[in-house]
Amino acid sequence: MTALAATRIFTDDVDALITFYERITGLTANRLHPLFGEITTPRGTLAIASTDTVPLLGPGCAHAGANRSVCLDFLVDDVDALLPALREVVSDFVSEPTDLPWGNRSVLFRDPDGNLVNFFTPTTPAARQRFGR
């Protein structure tokens, strides 16, 4: 069996990025080491690691703040209800809440390292069924 265990972001500022994700999710990170922490949700884990750990994996294999091809999707109860709280934390919104053709209402923004984040709520019966809602 193969199962995705976590998505990991490498950053130059672990504390700042963990604090950002704690604030937008309302969850507390499990700090396994000063260079590494995890935020576990009911559907998956977001790992945040210092770029100081990159040489352990392979020199130069990852670079902080260089991602422009991945989006972190977070399933939330109500995108519109969360928007005021997000505005207190997020400084870079990509889009306002938008209804997407596959049945989700979505707001896109960037984290402090420039990674794209999507908070979405299923709005159609098919989308709600897909996510068990």
N, C-alpha and C. Protein backbone atom coordinates (compact mmCIF):
# COMPACT_ATOMS: atom_id res chain seq x y z
N MET A 1 0.84 -1.19 0.00
CA MET A 1 0.00 0.00 0.00
C MET A 1 0.88 1.24 0.00
N THR A 2 0.47 2.22 -0.75
CA THR A 2 1.14 3.52 -0.77
C THR A 2 0.15 4.55 -0.27
N ALA A 3 0.59 5.41 0.63
CA ALA A 3 -0.26 6.46 1.16
C ALA A 3 0.56 7.73 1.35
N LEU A 4 0.01 8.83 0.89
CA LEU A 4 0.67 10.10 1.11
C LEU A 4 0.64 10.41 2.60
N ALA A 5 1.80 10.55 3.22
CA ALA A 5 1.87 10.77 4.65
C ALA A 5 1.86 12.25 5.01
N ALA A 6 2.49 13.08 4.18
CA ALA A 6 2.57 14.51 4.50
C ALA A 6 3.04 15.27 3.27
N THR A 7 2.77 16.56 3.30
CA THR A 7 3.34 17.50 2.35
C THR A 7 4.28 18.37 3.15
N ARG A 8 5.51 18.54 2.67
CA ARG A 8 6.53 19.28 3.43
C ARG A 8 6.92 20.55 2.70
N ILE A 9 6.99 21.63 3.46
CA ILE A 9 7.49 22.91 2.95
C ILE A 9 8.84 23.16 3.61
N PHE A 10 9.83 23.51 2.81
CA PHE A 10 11.13 23.93 3.34
C PHE A 10 11.12 25.45 3.41
N THR A 11 11.59 25.97 4.53
CA THR A 11 11.56 27.41 4.76
C THR A 11 12.82 27.87 5.47
N ASP A 12 13.13 29.14 5.29
CA ASP A 12 14.24 29.75 6.03
C ASP A 12 13.81 30.21 7.41
N ASP A 13 12.49 30.25 7.68
CA ASP A 13 11.98 30.71 8.97
C ASP A 13 10.87 29.78 9.47
N VAL A 14 11.26 28.69 10.10
CA VAL A 14 10.31 27.68 10.58
C VAL A 14 9.29 28.29 11.53
N ASP A 15 9.75 29.08 12.47
CA ASP A 15 8.84 29.65 13.47
C ASP A 15 7.76 30.52 12.82
N ALA A 16 8.14 31.37 11.89
CA ALA A 16 7.17 32.26 11.25
C ALA A 16 6.17 31.46 10.43
N LEU A 17 6.63 30.46 9.70
CA LEU A 17 5.70 29.70 8.85
C LEU A 17 4.78 28.83 9.69
N ILE A 18 5.31 28.21 10.74
CA ILE A 18 4.44 27.43 11.62
C ILE A 18 3.39 28.33 12.27
N THR A 19 3.80 29.48 12.73
CA THR A 19 2.85 30.42 13.34
C THR A 19 1.76 30.81 12.34
N PHE A 20 2.13 31.08 11.09
CA PHE A 20 1.16 31.43 10.06
C PHE A 20 0.14 30.31 9.89
N TYR A 21 0.61 29.08 9.72
CA TYR A 21 -0.33 27.97 9.51
C TYR A 21 -1.15 27.65 10.76
N GLU A 22 -0.59 27.85 11.94
CA GLU A 22 -1.39 27.69 13.15
C GLU A 22 -2.52 28.71 13.18
N ARG A 23 -2.22 29.93 12.81
CA ARG A 23 -3.23 30.99 12.85
C ARG A 23 -4.33 30.78 11.82
N ILE A 24 -3.96 30.36 10.59
CA ILE A 24 -5.02 30.22 9.57
C ILE A 24 -5.83 28.95 9.75
N THR A 25 -5.26 27.91 10.38
CA THR A 25 -6.00 26.66 10.56
C THR A 25 -6.64 26.54 11.93
N GLY A 26 -6.14 27.29 12.92
CA GLY A 26 -6.63 27.13 14.29
C GLY A 26 -6.09 25.88 14.95
N LEU A 27 -5.10 25.24 14.34
CA LEU A 27 -4.49 24.02 14.89
C LEU A 27 -3.13 24.34 15.48
N THR A 28 -2.67 23.49 16.39
CA THR A 28 -1.36 23.65 17.00
C THR A 28 -0.39 22.67 16.39
N ALA A 29 0.76 23.17 16.02
CA ALA A 29 1.79 22.32 15.42
C ALA A 29 2.43 21.44 16.48
N ASN A 30 2.83 20.27 16.06
CA ASN A 30 3.65 19.38 16.88
C ASN A 30 5.09 19.67 16.49
N ARG A 31 5.84 20.32 17.41
CA ARG A 31 7.23 20.68 17.13
C ARG A 31 8.12 19.50 17.51
N LEU A 32 8.49 18.71 16.53
CA LEU A 32 9.31 17.52 16.76
C LEU A 32 10.77 17.87 16.98
N HIS A 33 11.18 19.04 16.51
CA HIS A 33 12.56 19.49 16.59
C HIS A 33 12.56 20.98 16.29
N PRO A 34 13.52 21.76 16.75
CA PRO A 34 13.54 23.18 16.41
C PRO A 34 13.56 23.45 14.90
N LEU A 35 14.01 22.47 14.11
CA LEU A 35 14.07 22.63 12.67
C LEU A 35 12.89 21.99 11.93
N PHE A 36 11.90 21.46 12.68
CA PHE A 36 10.84 20.70 12.04
C PHE A 36 9.58 20.67 12.89
N GLY A 37 8.44 20.85 12.24
CA GLY A 37 7.16 20.73 12.92
C GLY A 37 6.10 20.22 11.96
N GLU A 38 4.99 19.74 12.52
CA GLU A 38 3.89 19.22 11.71
C GLU A 38 2.57 19.77 12.21
N ILE A 39 1.70 20.09 11.26
CA ILE A 39 0.33 20.45 11.57
C ILE A 39 -0.53 19.34 10.99
N THR A 40 -1.19 18.62 11.86
CA THR A 40 -1.98 17.47 11.45
C THR A 40 -3.46 17.83 11.42
N THR A 41 -4.08 17.58 10.28
CA THR A 41 -5.51 17.81 10.11
C THR A 41 -6.19 16.45 10.01
N PRO A 42 -7.51 16.40 10.03
CA PRO A 42 -8.18 15.11 9.90
C PRO A 42 -7.89 14.38 8.58
N ARG A 43 -7.47 15.10 7.56
CA ARG A 43 -7.24 14.49 6.25
C ARG A 43 -5.78 14.42 5.83
N GLY A 44 -4.88 15.07 6.53
CA GLY A 44 -3.48 15.05 6.11
C GLY A 44 -2.60 15.88 7.01
N THR A 45 -1.32 15.80 6.77
CA THR A 45 -0.34 16.50 7.58
C THR A 45 0.48 17.45 6.73
N LEU A 46 0.67 18.66 7.24
CA LEU A 46 1.56 19.62 6.63
C LEU A 46 2.81 19.69 7.48
N ALA A 47 3.93 19.31 6.90
CA ALA A 47 5.21 19.35 7.59
C ALA A 47 5.95 20.62 7.18
N ILE A 48 6.61 21.24 8.13
CA ILE A 48 7.38 22.45 7.86
C ILE A 48 8.79 22.22 8.39
N ALA A 49 9.76 22.31 7.48
CA ALA A 49 11.14 22.02 7.83
C ALA A 49 12.05 23.17 7.46
N SER A 50 13.08 23.35 8.24
CA SER A 50 14.07 24.37 7.96
C SER A 50 14.91 23.97 6.75
N THR A 51 15.34 24.97 5.99
CA THR A 51 16.26 24.69 4.89
C THR A 51 17.58 24.14 5.42
N ASP A 52 17.84 24.30 6.71
CA ASP A 52 19.04 23.71 7.31
C ASP A 52 19.01 22.18 7.24
N THR A 53 17.82 21.60 7.03
CA THR A 53 17.71 20.13 6.93
C THR A 53 17.95 19.62 5.51
N VAL A 54 17.96 20.50 4.53
CA VAL A 54 18.10 20.07 3.13
C VAL A 54 19.38 19.27 2.90
N PRO A 55 20.54 19.66 3.44
CA PRO A 55 21.75 18.86 3.19
C PRO A 55 21.63 17.40 3.67
N LEU A 56 20.76 17.14 4.64
CA LEU A 56 20.55 15.77 5.10
C LEU A 56 19.89 14.92 4.02
N LEU A 57 19.13 15.57 3.13
CA LEU A 57 18.38 14.88 2.08
C LEU A 57 19.16 14.81 0.77
N GLY A 58 19.96 15.79 0.54
CA GLY A 58 20.74 15.90 -0.70
C GLY A 58 21.01 17.37 -0.95
N PRO A 59 22.26 17.78 -0.95
CA PRO A 59 22.60 19.20 -1.08
C PRO A 59 21.89 19.85 -2.27
N GLY A 60 21.21 20.97 -1.99
CA GLY A 60 20.56 21.75 -3.03
C GLY A 60 19.29 21.15 -3.60
N CYS A 61 18.75 20.10 -2.99
CA CYS A 61 17.56 19.45 -3.56
C CYS A 61 16.28 20.25 -3.34
N ALA A 62 16.28 21.22 -2.45
CA ALA A 62 15.10 22.05 -2.21
C ALA A 62 15.55 23.47 -1.88
N HIS A 63 14.69 24.43 -2.24
CA HIS A 63 14.98 25.85 -1.98
C HIS A 63 13.73 26.52 -1.43
N ALA A 64 13.87 27.24 -0.36
CA ALA A 64 12.73 27.95 0.24
C ALA A 64 12.24 29.04 -0.69
N GLY A 65 10.92 29.24 -0.68
CA GLY A 65 10.32 30.35 -1.42
C GLY A 65 10.39 30.22 -2.92
N ALA A 66 10.68 29.03 -3.46
CA ALA A 66 10.83 28.88 -4.90
C ALA A 66 9.67 28.15 -5.56
N ASN A 67 8.63 27.82 -4.80
CA ASN A 67 7.53 27.02 -5.34
C ASN A 67 6.53 27.89 -6.11
N ARG A 68 6.25 27.48 -7.34
CA ARG A 68 5.20 28.13 -8.15
C ARG A 68 4.38 27.08 -8.89
N SER A 69 4.39 25.83 -8.38
CA SER A 69 3.67 24.79 -9.11
C SER A 69 2.77 23.93 -8.23
N VAL A 70 2.72 24.19 -6.94
CA VAL A 70 1.92 23.39 -6.02
C VAL A 70 0.99 24.31 -5.23
N CYS A 71 -0.20 23.82 -4.98
CA CYS A 71 -1.17 24.56 -4.15
C CYS A 71 -1.57 23.67 -2.99
N LEU A 72 -1.57 24.20 -1.79
CA LEU A 72 -2.02 23.47 -0.61
C LEU A 72 -3.51 23.73 -0.43
N ASP A 73 -4.31 22.66 -0.53
CA ASP A 73 -5.77 22.78 -0.44
C ASP A 73 -6.25 22.39 0.94
N PHE A 74 -6.99 23.29 1.58
CA PHE A 74 -7.57 23.03 2.89
C PHE A 74 -9.09 23.06 2.78
N LEU A 75 -9.73 21.95 3.15
CA LEU A 75 -11.18 21.86 3.20
C LEU A 75 -11.67 22.57 4.45
N VAL A 76 -12.56 23.55 4.29
CA VAL A 76 -13.08 24.31 5.42
C VAL A 76 -14.60 24.32 5.37
N ASP A 77 -15.22 24.57 6.51
CA ASP A 77 -16.68 24.56 6.59
C ASP A 77 -17.34 25.68 5.79
N ASP A 78 -16.75 26.88 5.83
CA ASP A 78 -17.39 28.03 5.17
C ASP A 78 -16.32 29.07 4.84
N VAL A 79 -15.91 29.09 3.58
CA VAL A 79 -14.88 30.03 3.12
C VAL A 79 -15.25 31.46 3.47
N ASP A 80 -16.48 31.84 3.18
CA ASP A 80 -16.89 33.23 3.39
C ASP A 80 -16.86 33.62 4.86
N ALA A 81 -17.23 32.70 5.74
CA ALA A 81 -17.22 33.00 7.18
C ALA A 81 -15.79 33.15 7.70
N LEU A 82 -14.82 32.45 7.09
CA LEU A 82 -13.43 32.54 7.53
C LEU A 82 -12.69 33.75 6.98
N LEU A 83 -13.22 34.36 5.96
CA LEU A 83 -12.51 35.45 5.29
C LEU A 83 -12.10 36.59 6.22
N PRO A 84 -12.95 37.08 7.12
CA PRO A 84 -12.49 38.16 8.01
C PRO A 84 -11.28 37.77 8.86
N ALA A 85 -11.26 36.56 9.37
CA ALA A 85 -10.11 36.10 10.18
C ALA A 85 -8.87 35.95 9.31
N LEU A 86 -9.04 35.47 8.09
CA LEU A 86 -7.89 35.34 7.17
C LEU A 86 -7.30 36.71 6.86
N ARG A 87 -8.15 37.71 6.71
CA ARG A 87 -7.65 39.06 6.39
C ARG A 87 -6.75 39.61 7.50
N GLU A 88 -6.90 39.11 8.71
CA GLU A 88 -6.04 39.55 9.82
C GLU A 88 -4.66 38.91 9.76
N VAL A 89 -4.52 37.82 9.02
CA VAL A 89 -3.26 37.06 8.99
C VAL A 89 -2.59 37.12 7.62
N VAL A 90 -3.38 37.04 6.57
CA VAL A 90 -2.86 36.93 5.20
C VAL A 90 -2.61 38.31 4.62
N SER A 91 -1.44 38.49 4.01
CA SER A 91 -1.15 39.78 3.38
C SER A 91 -1.20 39.71 1.85
N ASP A 92 -1.27 38.50 1.29
CA ASP A 92 -1.22 38.36 -0.17
C ASP A 92 -2.34 37.45 -0.67
N PHE A 93 -3.48 38.07 -0.98
CA PHE A 93 -4.61 37.32 -1.55
C PHE A 93 -4.44 37.25 -3.06
N VAL A 94 -4.66 36.07 -3.62
CA VAL A 94 -4.59 35.85 -5.06
C VAL A 94 -5.96 36.04 -5.68
N SER A 95 -7.00 35.57 -4.97
CA SER A 95 -8.37 35.75 -5.45
C SER A 95 -9.32 35.83 -4.26
N GLU A 96 -10.40 36.51 -4.47
CA GLU A 96 -11.48 36.56 -3.50
C GLU A 96 -12.27 35.26 -3.61
N PRO A 97 -13.16 34.96 -2.66
CA PRO A 97 -13.97 33.75 -2.79
C PRO A 97 -14.67 33.68 -4.14
N THR A 98 -14.50 32.53 -4.79
CA THR A 98 -14.98 32.31 -6.15
C THR A 98 -15.61 30.93 -6.25
N ASP A 99 -16.72 30.84 -6.96
CA ASP A 99 -17.35 29.55 -7.23
C ASP A 99 -16.66 28.93 -8.44
N LEU A 100 -16.12 27.73 -8.26
CA LEU A 100 -15.39 27.05 -9.32
C LEU A 100 -16.26 26.01 -10.01
N PRO A 101 -15.97 25.70 -11.27
CA PRO A 101 -16.84 24.82 -12.05
C PRO A 101 -16.97 23.39 -11.51
N TRP A 102 -16.05 22.95 -10.67
CA TRP A 102 -16.13 21.58 -10.13
C TRP A 102 -16.85 21.51 -8.80
N GLY A 103 -17.49 22.63 -8.40
CA GLY A 103 -18.38 22.60 -7.25
C GLY A 103 -17.83 23.10 -5.94
N ASN A 104 -16.70 23.78 -5.97
CA ASN A 104 -16.13 24.32 -4.74
C ASN A 104 -16.18 25.84 -4.76
N ARG A 105 -16.32 26.42 -3.58
CA ARG A 105 -16.14 27.87 -3.40
C ARG A 105 -14.76 28.02 -2.78
N SER A 106 -13.93 28.86 -3.36
CA SER A 106 -12.51 28.87 -3.04
C SER A 106 -11.96 30.27 -2.88
N VAL A 107 -11.03 30.44 -1.94
CA VAL A 107 -10.25 31.67 -1.83
C VAL A 107 -8.78 31.26 -1.86
N LEU A 108 -8.00 31.94 -2.68
CA LEU A 108 -6.58 31.64 -2.84
C LEU A 108 -5.74 32.77 -2.28
N PHE A 109 -4.65 32.37 -1.61
CA PHE A 109 -3.72 33.34 -1.05
C PHE A 109 -2.35 32.72 -0.95
N ARG A 110 -1.36 33.52 -0.61
CA ARG A 110 0.02 33.02 -0.46
C ARG A 110 0.44 33.09 1.00
N ASP A 111 1.22 32.09 1.41
CA ASP A 111 1.79 32.11 2.74
C ASP A 111 3.01 33.03 2.74
N PRO A 112 3.66 33.26 3.89
CA PRO A 112 4.80 34.19 3.93
C PRO A 112 5.96 33.82 3.01
N ASP A 113 6.07 32.54 2.62
CA ASP A 113 7.13 32.11 1.70
C ASP A 113 6.68 32.14 0.24
N GLY A 114 5.45 32.56 -0.02
CA GLY A 114 4.95 32.64 -1.38
C GLY A 114 4.25 31.40 -1.88
N ASN A 115 4.10 30.38 -1.03
CA ASN A 115 3.39 29.17 -1.44
C ASN A 115 1.90 29.46 -1.58
N LEU A 116 1.29 28.89 -2.61
CA LEU A 116 -0.13 29.10 -2.88
C LEU A 116 -0.96 28.22 -1.95
N VAL A 117 -1.96 28.84 -1.31
CA VAL A 117 -2.86 28.14 -0.38
C VAL A 117 -4.29 28.37 -0.84
N ASN A 118 -5.08 27.31 -0.79
CA ASN A 118 -6.48 27.36 -1.19
C ASN A 118 -7.33 26.90 -0.01
N PHE A 119 -8.23 27.74 0.45
CA PHE A 119 -9.27 27.34 1.40
C PHE A 119 -10.53 27.16 0.56
N PHE A 120 -11.16 25.99 0.65
CA PHE A 120 -12.33 25.75 -0.17
C PHE A 120 -13.43 25.05 0.61
N THR A 121 -14.66 25.29 0.14
CA THR A 121 -15.86 24.67 0.68
C THR A 121 -16.63 24.05 -0.47
N PRO A 122 -16.96 22.75 -0.39
CA PRO A 122 -17.79 22.14 -1.43
C PRO A 122 -19.19 22.76 -1.38
N THR A 123 -19.72 23.13 -2.55
CA THR A 123 -21.01 23.80 -2.58
C THR A 123 -22.09 23.06 -3.35
N THR A 124 -21.70 22.17 -4.23
CA THR A 124 -22.69 21.41 -4.99
C THR A 124 -22.88 20.04 -4.34
N PRO A 125 -24.00 19.39 -4.62
CA PRO A 125 -24.20 18.05 -4.05
C PRO A 125 -23.07 17.07 -4.42
N ALA A 126 -22.61 17.11 -5.68
CA ALA A 126 -21.53 16.20 -6.09
C ALA A 126 -20.24 16.49 -5.33
N ALA A 127 -19.92 17.76 -5.17
CA ALA A 127 -18.69 18.13 -4.45
C ALA A 127 -18.81 17.76 -2.97
N ARG A 128 -19.96 18.02 -2.37
CA ARG A 128 -20.15 17.66 -0.96
C ARG A 128 -20.02 16.15 -0.79
N GLN A 129 -20.57 15.40 -1.71
CA GLN A 129 -20.48 13.93 -1.63
C GLN A 129 -19.02 13.48 -1.74
N ARG A 130 -18.27 14.09 -2.65
CA ARG A 130 -16.85 13.76 -2.83
C ARG A 130 -16.07 13.91 -1.54
N PHE A 131 -16.44 14.88 -0.72
CA PHE A 131 -15.71 15.15 0.52
C PHE A 131 -16.46 14.68 1.76
N GLY A 132 -17.52 13.90 1.56
CA GLY A 132 -18.25 13.35 2.71
C GLY A 132 -18.98 14.40 3.51
N ARG A 133 -19.50 15.40 2.86
CA ARG A 133 -20.19 16.50 3.55
C ARG A 133 -21.67 16.49 3.32
